[in-house]
């Protein structure tokens, strides 16, 4: 077939819509499943991102408020009584857990300095671990989408290109007008994989750093409060 005939065939070929919506509906079942899976993962990632941003901002404000009250000169007993009747998170949860163990040890008549210190330290560690687990919940999903999203999209692309080549072989028509839409359908899967993965990776890195900062803040307060309780134990012994 000479170039003139190729041009005539290309011009005679029916126009094919190449919008994203049309490319999706023209794709094979497997490629559609990949695209829908990536779309669902992207929506869930954004839901997690928004939820964590709100939660971390709330945690910072809660820590700021608690530290302001804690260092205001109010007695530990009064602060403890005001917090035991409510649900606590972050620094307040560490404070309540440590004070509860401290009071239980004294009420039971246990005056061993080392024993009380060890128990308070373990209670604080467990509380911090629970708080970090709550702060970091669902971040692993962002990491999973960030690492696997491009490969899932690439799988859809490879599958779509294979189907396109089979259709080309069956129709025996290699016109660009025929090939381009099929290739576009396949490449759309990779584009969606990247669109899901890039925000997930960026958000995971940012949110992980924010969670680590909140964890460091809790560790610092735990050390300071453990020192205060240690002085209280010395005064009472």
Protein backbone atom coordinates (compact mmCIF):
# COMPACT_ATOMS: atom_id res chain seq x y z
CA UNK A 1 0.00 0.00 0.00
CA UNK A 2 1.48 3.32 -1.05
CA UNK A 3 1.52 6.50 1.07
CA UNK A 4 -1.42 7.99 -0.83
CA UNK A 5 -3.62 5.02 -0.04
CA UNK A 6 -2.54 5.11 3.64
CA UNK A 7 -3.52 8.76 3.85
CA UNK A 8 -6.87 8.06 2.18
CA UNK A 9 -7.58 5.19 4.61
CA UNK A 10 -6.70 7.36 7.59
CA UNK A 11 -9.01 10.13 6.35
CA UNK A 12 -11.78 7.64 5.64
CA UNK A 13 -11.55 6.06 9.11
CA UNK A 14 -14.35 7.06 11.49
CA UNK A 15 -13.55 9.70 14.08
CA UNK A 16 -12.86 8.22 17.51
CA UNK A 17 -13.56 10.15 20.69
CA UNK A 18 -10.43 10.37 22.86
CA UNK A 19 -11.79 11.98 26.02
CA UNK A 20 -10.88 10.35 29.32
CA UNK A 21 -14.46 9.17 29.85
CA UNK A 22 -14.62 7.67 26.36
CA UNK A 23 -11.23 6.01 26.76
CA UNK A 24 -12.43 4.40 29.98
CA UNK A 25 -15.57 2.95 28.41
CA UNK A 26 -13.64 1.69 25.37
CA UNK A 27 -11.05 -0.12 27.52
CA UNK A 28 -11.17 -3.85 28.18
CA UNK A 29 -12.68 -5.30 31.36
CA UNK A 30 -9.28 -5.87 33.00
CA UNK A 31 -8.10 -2.32 32.28
CA UNK A 32 -11.41 -0.94 33.58
CA UNK A 33 -10.99 -2.94 36.78
CA UNK A 34 -7.47 -1.55 37.22
CA UNK A 35 -8.67 2.02 36.65
CA UNK A 36 -11.58 1.67 39.08
CA UNK A 37 -9.29 0.15 41.69
CA UNK A 38 -6.81 3.00 41.34
CA UNK A 39 -9.61 5.57 41.47
CA UNK A 40 -10.98 4.03 44.67
CA UNK A 41 -7.49 3.92 46.19
CA UNK A 42 -6.90 7.57 45.27
CA UNK A 43 -10.19 8.67 46.86
CA UNK A 44 -9.40 6.72 50.03
CA UNK A 45 -5.89 8.21 50.13
CA UNK A 46 -7.29 11.73 49.97
CA UNK A 47 -9.79 10.89 52.71
CA UNK A 48 -6.92 9.67 54.90
CA UNK A 49 -4.83 12.74 54.11
CA UNK A 50 -7.60 15.17 55.06
CA UNK A 51 -8.46 13.19 58.20
CA UNK A 52 -4.83 13.10 59.36
CA UNK A 53 -4.26 16.79 58.72
CA UNK A 54 -7.29 17.62 60.85
CA UNK A 55 -6.32 15.08 63.54
CA UNK A 56 -2.71 16.29 63.78
CA UNK A 57 -3.78 19.92 64.02
CA UNK A 58 -6.21 18.97 66.76
CA UNK A 59 -3.49 17.02 68.56
CA UNK A 60 -1.14 20.01 68.46
CA UNK A 61 -3.78 22.33 69.86
CA UNK A 62 -4.62 19.80 72.57
CA UNK A 63 -0.96 19.49 73.55
CA UNK A 64 -0.52 23.25 73.61
CA UNK A 65 -3.56 23.65 75.85
CA UNK A 66 -2.50 20.86 78.20
CA UNK A 67 1.05 22.17 78.57
CA UNK A 68 -0.31 25.64 79.31
CA UNK A 69 -2.50 24.22 82.10
CA UNK A 70 0.17 21.82 83.36
CA UNK A 71 2.81 24.52 83.77
CA UNK A 72 0.37 27.10 85.14
CA UNK A 73 1.07 26.07 88.72
CA UNK A 74 -2.08 24.02 89.27
CA UNK A 75 -1.54 21.08 91.61
CA UNK A 76 -1.13 17.65 90.04
CA UNK A 77 -3.99 16.25 92.12
CA UNK A 78 -6.44 18.90 90.92
CA UNK A 79 -5.39 18.44 87.31
CA UNK A 80 -5.67 14.68 87.62
CA UNK A 81 -9.21 14.89 89.07
CA UNK A 82 -10.30 17.25 86.30
CA UNK A 83 -9.03 14.87 83.60
CA UNK A 84 -10.15 11.47 84.91
CA UNK A 85 -13.78 12.11 83.98
CA UNK A 86 -13.07 12.70 80.30
CA UNK A 87 -11.49 10.91 77.34
CA UNK A 88 -7.85 11.96 77.02
CA UNK A 89 -5.33 11.87 74.20
CA UNK A 90 -1.70 12.80 73.80
CA UNK A 91 -0.01 14.45 76.75
CA UNK A 92 -3.17 14.32 78.86
CA UNK A 93 -3.38 10.54 78.40
CA UNK A 94 0.26 10.14 79.47
CA UNK A 95 -0.31 12.33 82.52
CA UNK A 96 -3.44 10.47 83.64
CA UNK A 97 -1.87 7.02 83.13
CA UNK A 98 1.27 7.95 85.10
CA UNK A 99 -0.69 9.63 87.90
CA UNK A 100 -3.04 6.67 88.19
CA UNK A 101 -0.14 4.27 88.63
CA UNK A 102 1.56 6.62 91.07
CA UNK A 103 -1.57 6.89 93.22
CA UNK A 104 -2.22 3.15 93.11
CA UNK A 105 1.32 2.42 94.31
CA UNK A 106 1.02 4.81 97.23
CA UNK A 107 -2.47 3.67 98.18
CA UNK A 108 -1.24 0.06 98.23
CA UNK A 109 1.59 1.06 100.56
CA UNK A 110 4.35 0.39 98.05
CA UNK A 111 7.15 2.78 98.80
CA UNK A 112 10.00 1.16 96.87
CA UNK A 113 11.49 3.97 94.83
CA UNK A 114 12.83 1.70 92.09
CA UNK A 115 9.64 -0.34 91.86
CA UNK A 116 7.38 2.70 91.53
CA UNK A 117 9.72 4.32 89.01
CA UNK A 118 9.83 1.19 86.87
CA UNK A 119 6.05 0.78 86.89
CA UNK A 120 5.45 4.42 86.01
CA UNK A 121 8.01 4.18 83.22
CA UNK A 122 6.31 1.10 81.76
CA UNK A 123 2.88 2.70 81.96
CA UNK A 124 4.19 5.80 80.18
CA UNK A 125 5.85 3.70 77.45
CA UNK A 126 2.67 1.72 76.83
CA UNK A 127 0.58 4.89 76.68
CA UNK A 128 2.97 6.53 74.22
CA UNK A 129 2.92 3.40 72.06
CA UNK A 130 -0.88 3.45 71.96
CA UNK A 131 -0.94 7.14 71.11
CA UNK A 132 1.59 6.67 68.29
CA UNK A 133 -0.38 3.72 66.97
CA UNK A 134 -3.47 5.93 66.86
CA UNK A 135 -1.59 8.78 65.16
CA UNK A 136 0.01 6.52 62.56
CA UNK A 137 -3.12 4.48 61.83
CA UNK A 138 -3.81 4.05 58.09
CA UNK A 139 -0.55 5.73 57.04
CA UNK A 140 0.64 2.33 55.81
CA UNK A 141 -2.13 2.48 53.19
CA UNK A 142 -0.59 5.66 51.78
CA UNK A 143 2.79 3.96 51.60
CA UNK A 144 1.27 0.91 49.89
CA UNK A 145 -0.53 2.98 47.26
CA UNK A 146 2.58 5.10 46.73
CA UNK A 147 4.76 2.08 46.05
CA UNK A 148 2.31 -0.22 44.26
CA UNK A 149 0.14 2.30 42.37
CA UNK A 150 2.50 2.84 39.39
CA UNK A 151 3.02 -0.90 38.97
CA UNK A 152 -0.72 -1.60 39.07
CA UNK A 153 -1.23 1.10 36.47
CA UNK A 154 1.59 -0.36 34.38
CA UNK A 155 -0.09 -3.76 34.53
CA UNK A 156 -3.26 -2.19 33.10
CA UNK A 157 -1.19 -0.52 30.38
CA UNK A 158 0.60 -3.73 29.39
CA UNK A 159 -2.68 -5.61 29.31
CA UNK A 160 -4.31 -2.90 27.23
CA UNK A 161 -1.44 -2.80 24.73
CA UNK A 162 -1.54 -6.58 24.37
CA UNK A 163 -5.26 -6.39 23.63
CA UNK A 164 -4.64 -3.56 21.16
CA UNK A 165 -2.03 -5.55 19.24
CA UNK A 166 -4.36 -8.53 19.08
CA UNK A 167 -7.10 -6.31 17.67
CA UNK A 168 -4.67 -4.83 15.14
CA UNK A 169 -3.61 -8.31 14.06
CA UNK A 170 -7.23 -9.36 13.65
CA UNK A 171 -8.30 -6.28 11.69
CA UNK A 172 -4.99 -6.09 9.76
CA UNK A 173 -5.19 -2.33 9.94
CA UNK A 174 -2.18 -0.42 11.28
CA UNK A 175 -3.56 3.05 10.65
CA UNK A 176 -2.61 5.57 13.34
CA UNK A 177 -6.27 6.55 13.66
CA UNK A 178 -7.06 2.97 14.66
CA UNK A 179 -4.03 2.39 16.87
CA UNK A 180 -3.90 5.69 18.76
CA UNK A 181 -7.16 5.35 20.75
CA UNK A 182 -6.28 1.82 21.86
CA UNK A 183 -2.83 2.90 23.01
CA UNK A 184 -4.35 5.91 24.77
CA UNK A 185 -6.72 3.62 26.67
CA UNK A 186 -3.79 1.55 27.85
CA UNK A 187 -1.66 4.54 28.85
CA UNK A 188 -4.55 6.01 30.84
CA UNK A 189 -4.10 3.22 33.39
CA UNK A 190 -0.48 4.24 34.00
CA UNK A 191 -1.51 7.89 34.28
CA UNK A 192 -4.08 6.99 36.91
CA UNK A 193 -1.52 4.91 38.78
CA UNK A 194 0.84 7.88 38.92
CA UNK A 195 -2.01 10.23 39.88
CA UNK A 196 -2.80 7.98 42.85
CA UNK A 197 0.80 7.26 43.85
CA UNK A 198 2.41 10.73 43.76
CA UNK A 199 0.07 12.42 46.30
CA UNK A 200 0.18 9.29 48.46
CA UNK A 201 3.98 9.32 48.65
CA UNK A 202 4.20 13.04 49.35
CA UNK A 203 1.48 12.86 51.99
CA UNK A 204 3.02 9.79 53.63
CA UNK A 205 6.39 11.50 54.01
CA UNK A 206 4.82 14.69 55.39
CA UNK A 207 2.41 12.96 57.75
CA UNK A 208 5.06 10.53 59.00
CA UNK A 209 7.32 13.46 59.85
CA UNK A 210 4.45 15.22 61.65
CA UNK A 211 3.64 12.06 63.63
CA UNK A 212 7.30 11.71 64.58
CA UNK A 213 7.33 15.31 65.85
CA UNK A 214 4.25 14.66 67.96
CA UNK A 215 5.89 11.49 69.28
CA UNK A 216 9.04 13.39 70.21
CA UNK A 217 6.92 15.94 72.01
CA UNK A 218 5.23 13.18 74.02
CA UNK A 219 8.60 11.61 74.83
CA UNK A 220 9.91 14.94 76.09
CA UNK A 221 6.91 15.54 78.31
CA UNK A 222 7.08 11.96 79.61
CA UNK A 223 10.71 12.47 80.69
CA UNK A 224 9.88 15.77 82.39
CA UNK A 225 6.85 14.37 84.17
CA UNK A 226 8.74 11.24 85.25
CA UNK A 227 11.34 13.52 86.85
CA UNK A 228 8.59 15.44 88.68
CA UNK A 229 7.06 12.22 90.02
CA UNK A 230 10.51 11.04 91.05
CA UNK A 231 10.94 14.16 93.17
CA UNK A 232 7.47 13.60 94.65
CA UNK A 233 8.45 10.05 95.60
CA UNK A 234 11.65 11.31 97.23
CA UNK A 235 9.68 13.85 99.25
CA UNK A 236 7.22 11.24 100.50
CA UNK A 237 9.78 8.54 101.33
